[in-house]
Amino acid sequence: MRDFYLPKAKAANLDIFLGGHSHLYQHGSKEGVHYFIIGGGGGDLETDRVENYGLYYKTILQFHSVIIEMKRCELVLNVYSVGGDEMDEVRFTSKTCKQ
């Protein structure tokens, strides 16, 4: 999957790539693209087989929810625990936005 999607994300000049299925939160970046795994609800958390793949620098093994807000050229992604505590916040400006 990684070998298939990473080149396509870069070629498409993506800012972010959102994925799910794995029951955890991961965030990393490579070659200017931010990659997120957002899967903190539903089934059991994955604690026994979490892979980094040399890509993710933040891994949170908790149930969570995510709010994504786009303000003109800025994207803000906030991750919250089930109790409402902020676990992560990511802000960045689009590479392709014309101000």
N, C-alpha and C. Protein backbone atom coordinates (compact mmCIF):
# COMPACT_ATOMS: atom_id res chain seq x y z
N MET A 1 0.82 -1.19 0.00
CA MET A 1 0.00 0.00 0.00
C MET A 1 0.87 1.26 0.00
N ARG A 2 1.85 1.27 0.91
CA ARG A 2 2.71 2.46 1.02
C ARG A 2 3.44 2.70 -0.29
N ASP A 3 4.00 1.67 -0.87
CA ASP A 3 4.74 1.82 -2.13
C ASP A 3 3.82 2.25 -3.27
N PHE A 4 2.55 1.92 -3.17
CA PHE A 4 1.58 2.30 -4.20
C PHE A 4 1.15 3.76 -4.03
N TYR A 5 0.81 4.18 -2.80
CA TYR A 5 0.22 5.50 -2.58
C TYR A 5 1.22 6.64 -2.43
N LEU A 6 2.38 6.41 -1.85
CA LEU A 6 3.33 7.51 -1.64
C LEU A 6 3.72 8.20 -2.95
N PRO A 7 4.10 7.49 -3.98
CA PRO A 7 4.44 8.18 -5.24
C PRO A 7 3.25 8.92 -5.85
N LYS A 8 2.06 8.36 -5.74
CA LYS A 8 0.87 9.01 -6.28
C LYS A 8 0.54 10.29 -5.52
N ALA A 9 0.70 10.28 -4.20
CA ALA A 9 0.44 11.48 -3.40
C ALA A 9 1.41 12.59 -3.77
N LYS A 10 2.66 12.24 -3.94
CA LYS A 10 3.65 13.25 -4.31
C LYS A 10 3.39 13.79 -5.71
N ALA A 11 3.09 12.91 -6.64
CA ALA A 11 2.84 13.33 -8.02
C ALA A 11 1.60 14.23 -8.12
N ALA A 12 0.62 14.00 -7.26
CA ALA A 12 -0.62 14.80 -7.29
C ALA A 12 -0.48 16.10 -6.50
N ASN A 13 0.70 16.34 -5.93
CA ASN A 13 0.97 17.55 -5.13
C ASN A 13 0.00 17.67 -3.95
N LEU A 14 -0.29 16.52 -3.31
CA LEU A 14 -1.19 16.51 -2.16
C LEU A 14 -0.55 17.18 -0.96
N ASP A 15 -1.37 17.79 -0.13
CA ASP A 15 -0.94 18.31 1.16
C ASP A 15 -1.10 17.26 2.24
N ILE A 16 -2.25 16.56 2.21
CA ILE A 16 -2.52 15.54 3.22
C ILE A 16 -3.07 14.29 2.57
N PHE A 17 -2.88 13.17 3.26
CA PHE A 17 -3.42 11.89 2.86
C PHE A 17 -4.03 11.28 4.11
N LEU A 18 -5.35 11.03 4.09
CA LEU A 18 -6.05 10.48 5.24
C LEU A 18 -6.35 9.01 5.01
N GLY A 19 -6.04 8.20 6.02
CA GLY A 19 -6.35 6.78 5.96
C GLY A 19 -7.01 6.36 7.26
N GLY A 20 -7.52 5.15 7.27
CA GLY A 20 -8.18 4.65 8.46
C GLY A 20 -7.93 3.17 8.62
N HIS A 21 -8.89 2.49 9.10
CA HIS A 21 -8.93 1.04 9.32
C HIS A 21 -8.13 0.62 10.54
N SER A 22 -6.84 0.94 10.63
CA SER A 22 -6.07 0.60 11.82
C SER A 22 -6.64 1.37 13.00
N HIS A 23 -6.79 0.72 14.13
CA HIS A 23 -7.43 1.33 15.29
C HIS A 23 -6.40 2.02 16.17
N LEU A 24 -5.97 3.21 15.70
CA LEU A 24 -4.99 4.03 16.38
C LEU A 24 -4.93 5.37 15.66
N TYR A 25 -4.07 6.27 16.15
CA TYR A 25 -3.83 7.55 15.46
C TYR A 25 -2.35 7.62 15.15
N GLN A 26 -2.01 7.90 13.89
CA GLN A 26 -0.62 8.12 13.51
C GLN A 26 -0.55 9.33 12.60
N HIS A 27 0.56 10.07 12.74
CA HIS A 27 0.81 11.23 11.89
C HIS A 27 2.28 11.25 11.55
N GLY A 28 2.56 11.50 10.30
CA GLY A 28 3.94 11.65 9.84
C GLY A 28 3.94 12.40 8.52
N SER A 29 5.11 12.70 8.04
CA SER A 29 5.19 13.37 6.74
C SER A 29 6.42 12.86 5.99
N LYS A 30 6.31 12.94 4.71
CA LYS A 30 7.40 12.53 3.84
C LYS A 30 7.28 13.30 2.54
N GLU A 31 8.39 13.90 2.15
CA GLU A 31 8.46 14.64 0.90
C GLU A 31 7.33 15.68 0.78
N GLY A 32 7.02 16.35 1.90
CA GLY A 32 6.06 17.43 1.89
C GLY A 32 4.60 17.04 1.99
N VAL A 33 4.30 15.75 2.10
CA VAL A 33 2.92 15.28 2.25
C VAL A 33 2.73 14.77 3.67
N HIS A 34 1.65 15.23 4.35
CA HIS A 34 1.33 14.76 5.69
C HIS A 34 0.41 13.54 5.58
N TYR A 35 0.75 12.48 6.29
CA TYR A 35 -0.01 11.23 6.27
C TYR A 35 -0.61 11.00 7.64
N PHE A 36 -1.91 10.66 7.66
CA PHE A 36 -2.62 10.41 8.90
C PHE A 36 -3.34 9.08 8.82
N ILE A 37 -3.28 8.32 9.90
CA ILE A 37 -4.17 7.18 10.10
C ILE A 37 -5.08 7.59 11.24
N ILE A 38 -6.37 7.64 10.95
CA ILE A 38 -7.37 8.08 11.92
C ILE A 38 -8.35 6.93 12.09
N GLY A 39 -8.18 6.16 13.15
CA GLY A 39 -9.03 4.99 13.34
C GLY A 39 -9.26 4.68 14.80
N GLY A 40 -9.56 5.69 15.59
CA GLY A 40 -9.65 5.50 17.04
C GLY A 40 -11.03 5.22 17.56
N GLY A 41 -11.92 4.69 16.76
CA GLY A 41 -13.25 4.35 17.25
C GLY A 41 -13.63 2.97 16.76
N GLY A 42 -14.58 2.38 17.41
CA GLY A 42 -15.06 1.08 16.95
C GLY A 42 -14.42 -0.08 17.67
N GLY A 43 -13.61 -0.85 16.96
CA GLY A 43 -13.04 -2.08 17.50
C GLY A 43 -11.94 -1.84 18.52
N ASP A 44 -11.31 -2.94 18.91
CA ASP A 44 -10.22 -2.88 19.89
C ASP A 44 -9.04 -2.11 19.32
N LEU A 45 -8.34 -1.39 20.20
CA LEU A 45 -7.14 -0.66 19.79
C LEU A 45 -6.06 -1.63 19.39
N GLU A 46 -5.25 -1.24 18.42
CA GLU A 46 -4.15 -2.08 17.96
C GLU A 46 -2.91 -1.73 18.74
N THR A 47 -2.54 -2.58 19.67
CA THR A 47 -1.35 -2.31 20.48
C THR A 47 -0.24 -3.33 20.24
N ASP A 48 -0.56 -4.44 19.60
CA ASP A 48 0.42 -5.51 19.46
C ASP A 48 1.13 -5.52 18.11
N ARG A 49 0.67 -4.74 17.13
CA ARG A 49 1.31 -4.81 15.81
C ARG A 49 1.34 -3.44 15.12
N VAL A 50 1.74 -2.44 15.86
CA VAL A 50 1.80 -1.09 15.31
C VAL A 50 3.11 -0.92 14.55
N GLU A 51 3.02 -0.54 13.29
CA GLU A 51 4.20 -0.34 12.46
C GLU A 51 4.42 1.15 12.22
N ASN A 52 5.68 1.54 12.11
CA ASN A 52 6.03 2.93 11.84
C ASN A 52 6.34 3.14 10.36
N TYR A 53 6.91 2.16 9.71
CA TYR A 53 7.27 2.20 8.29
C TYR A 53 8.22 3.34 7.95
N GLY A 54 8.91 3.89 8.93
CA GLY A 54 9.82 4.99 8.67
C GLY A 54 9.10 6.26 8.26
N LEU A 55 7.82 6.37 8.56
CA LEU A 55 7.00 7.47 8.10
C LEU A 55 6.37 8.26 9.25
N TYR A 56 5.87 7.56 10.23
CA TYR A 56 5.09 8.21 11.29
C TYR A 56 5.96 8.58 12.48
N TYR A 57 5.85 9.84 12.91
CA TYR A 57 6.60 10.27 14.09
C TYR A 57 5.71 10.45 15.30
N LYS A 58 4.40 10.28 15.13
CA LYS A 58 3.50 10.33 16.28
C LYS A 58 2.52 9.18 16.17
N THR A 59 2.45 8.40 17.24
CA THR A 59 1.50 7.29 17.33
C THR A 59 0.81 7.39 18.67
N ILE A 60 -0.53 7.38 18.66
CA ILE A 60 -1.31 7.46 19.89
C ILE A 60 -2.25 6.26 19.91
N LEU A 61 -2.13 5.46 20.95
CA LEU A 61 -2.93 4.25 21.08
C LEU A 61 -4.08 4.51 22.05
N GLN A 62 -5.01 5.37 21.63
CA GLN A 62 -6.19 5.70 22.42
C GLN A 62 -7.37 5.88 21.48
N PHE A 63 -8.57 5.65 22.01
CA PHE A 63 -9.76 6.00 21.24
C PHE A 63 -9.79 7.50 21.07
N HIS A 64 -10.24 7.98 19.93
CA HIS A 64 -10.18 9.41 19.64
C HIS A 64 -11.18 9.80 18.57
N SER A 65 -11.34 11.10 18.42
CA SER A 65 -12.10 11.67 17.31
C SER A 65 -11.28 12.80 16.73
N VAL A 66 -11.60 13.19 15.51
CA VAL A 66 -10.83 14.21 14.80
C VAL A 66 -11.80 15.24 14.22
N ILE A 67 -11.43 16.51 14.37
CA ILE A 67 -12.16 17.60 13.72
C ILE A 67 -11.19 18.27 12.76
N ILE A 68 -11.60 18.37 11.50
CA ILE A 68 -10.77 19.01 10.48
C ILE A 68 -11.50 20.27 10.01
N GLU A 69 -10.79 21.38 10.05
CA GLU A 69 -11.37 22.66 9.65
C GLU A 69 -10.48 23.30 8.60
N MET A 70 -11.09 23.74 7.52
CA MET A 70 -10.36 24.43 6.46
C MET A 70 -10.73 25.90 6.49
N LYS A 71 -9.74 26.74 6.65
CA LYS A 71 -9.94 28.19 6.66
C LYS A 71 -9.13 28.77 5.51
N ARG A 72 -9.81 29.02 4.41
CA ARG A 72 -9.15 29.56 3.21
C ARG A 72 -7.98 28.68 2.82
N CYS A 73 -6.76 29.05 3.16
CA CYS A 73 -5.57 28.30 2.77
C CYS A 73 -4.96 27.50 3.92
N GLU A 74 -5.57 27.56 5.10
CA GLU A 74 -5.01 26.84 6.25
C GLU A 74 -5.93 25.69 6.65
N LEU A 75 -5.34 24.54 6.87
CA LEU A 75 -6.07 23.39 7.37
C LEU A 75 -5.65 23.17 8.81
N VAL A 76 -6.64 22.97 9.68
CA VAL A 76 -6.38 22.69 11.09
C VAL A 76 -7.02 21.34 11.41
N LEU A 77 -6.21 20.43 11.93
CA LEU A 77 -6.67 19.10 12.30
C LEU A 77 -6.45 18.95 13.80
N ASN A 78 -7.54 18.75 14.55
CA ASN A 78 -7.46 18.57 16.00
C ASN A 78 -7.91 17.16 16.34
N VAL A 79 -7.14 16.50 17.20
CA VAL A 79 -7.45 15.14 17.65
C VAL A 79 -7.78 15.21 19.13
N TYR A 80 -8.92 14.59 19.51
CA TYR A 80 -9.39 14.63 20.89
C TYR A 80 -9.59 13.23 21.44
N SER A 81 -9.26 13.06 22.71
CA SER A 81 -9.54 11.80 23.40
C SER A 81 -11.04 11.68 23.63
N VAL A 82 -11.48 10.53 24.07
CA VAL A 82 -12.90 10.33 24.35
C VAL A 82 -13.36 11.29 25.45
N GLY A 83 -12.46 11.64 26.37
CA GLY A 83 -12.80 12.57 27.44
C GLY A 83 -12.74 14.03 27.03
N GLY A 84 -12.37 14.31 25.78
CA GLY A 84 -12.35 15.68 25.28
C GLY A 84 -11.01 16.38 25.38
N ASP A 85 -9.97 15.69 25.85
CA ASP A 85 -8.63 16.30 25.92
C ASP A 85 -8.00 16.33 24.54
N GLU A 86 -7.35 17.46 24.21
CA GLU A 86 -6.67 17.55 22.92
C GLU A 86 -5.41 16.70 22.95
N MET A 87 -5.28 15.81 21.97
CA MET A 87 -4.14 14.91 21.89
C MET A 87 -3.13 15.35 20.85
N ASP A 88 -3.60 16.08 19.84
CA ASP A 88 -2.72 16.56 18.79
C ASP A 88 -3.42 17.69 18.05
N GLU A 89 -2.63 18.61 17.53
CA GLU A 89 -3.13 19.66 16.65
C GLU A 89 -2.10 19.85 15.55
N VAL A 90 -2.58 19.87 14.32
CA VAL A 90 -1.70 20.06 13.17
C VAL A 90 -2.28 21.20 12.35
N ARG A 91 -1.43 22.18 12.03
CA ARG A 91 -1.82 23.32 11.20
C ARG A 91 -0.82 23.44 10.06
N PHE A 92 -1.32 23.62 8.88
CA PHE A 92 -0.42 23.95 7.78
C PHE A 92 -1.16 24.64 6.67
N THR A 93 -0.40 25.33 5.85
CA THR A 93 -0.94 26.09 4.74
C THR A 93 -0.80 25.28 3.46
N SER A 94 -1.84 25.30 2.64
CA SER A 94 -1.84 24.56 1.40
C SER A 94 -0.70 25.02 0.49
N LYS A 95 -0.07 24.06 -0.17
CA LYS A 95 1.01 24.38 -1.11
C LYS A 95 0.48 25.01 -2.38
N THR A 96 -0.80 24.79 -2.68
CA THR A 96 -1.34 25.25 -3.95
C THR A 96 -2.31 26.40 -3.84
N CYS A 97 -2.57 26.87 -2.63
CA CYS A 97 -3.56 27.94 -2.43
C CYS A 97 -3.01 29.29 -2.87
N LYS A 98 -3.84 30.02 -3.58
CA LYS A 98 -3.49 31.38 -4.01
C LYS A 98 -4.17 32.35 -3.05
N GLN A 99 -3.40 33.10 -2.30
CA GLN A 99 -3.95 34.03 -1.30
C GLN A 99 -4.54 35.26 -1.96
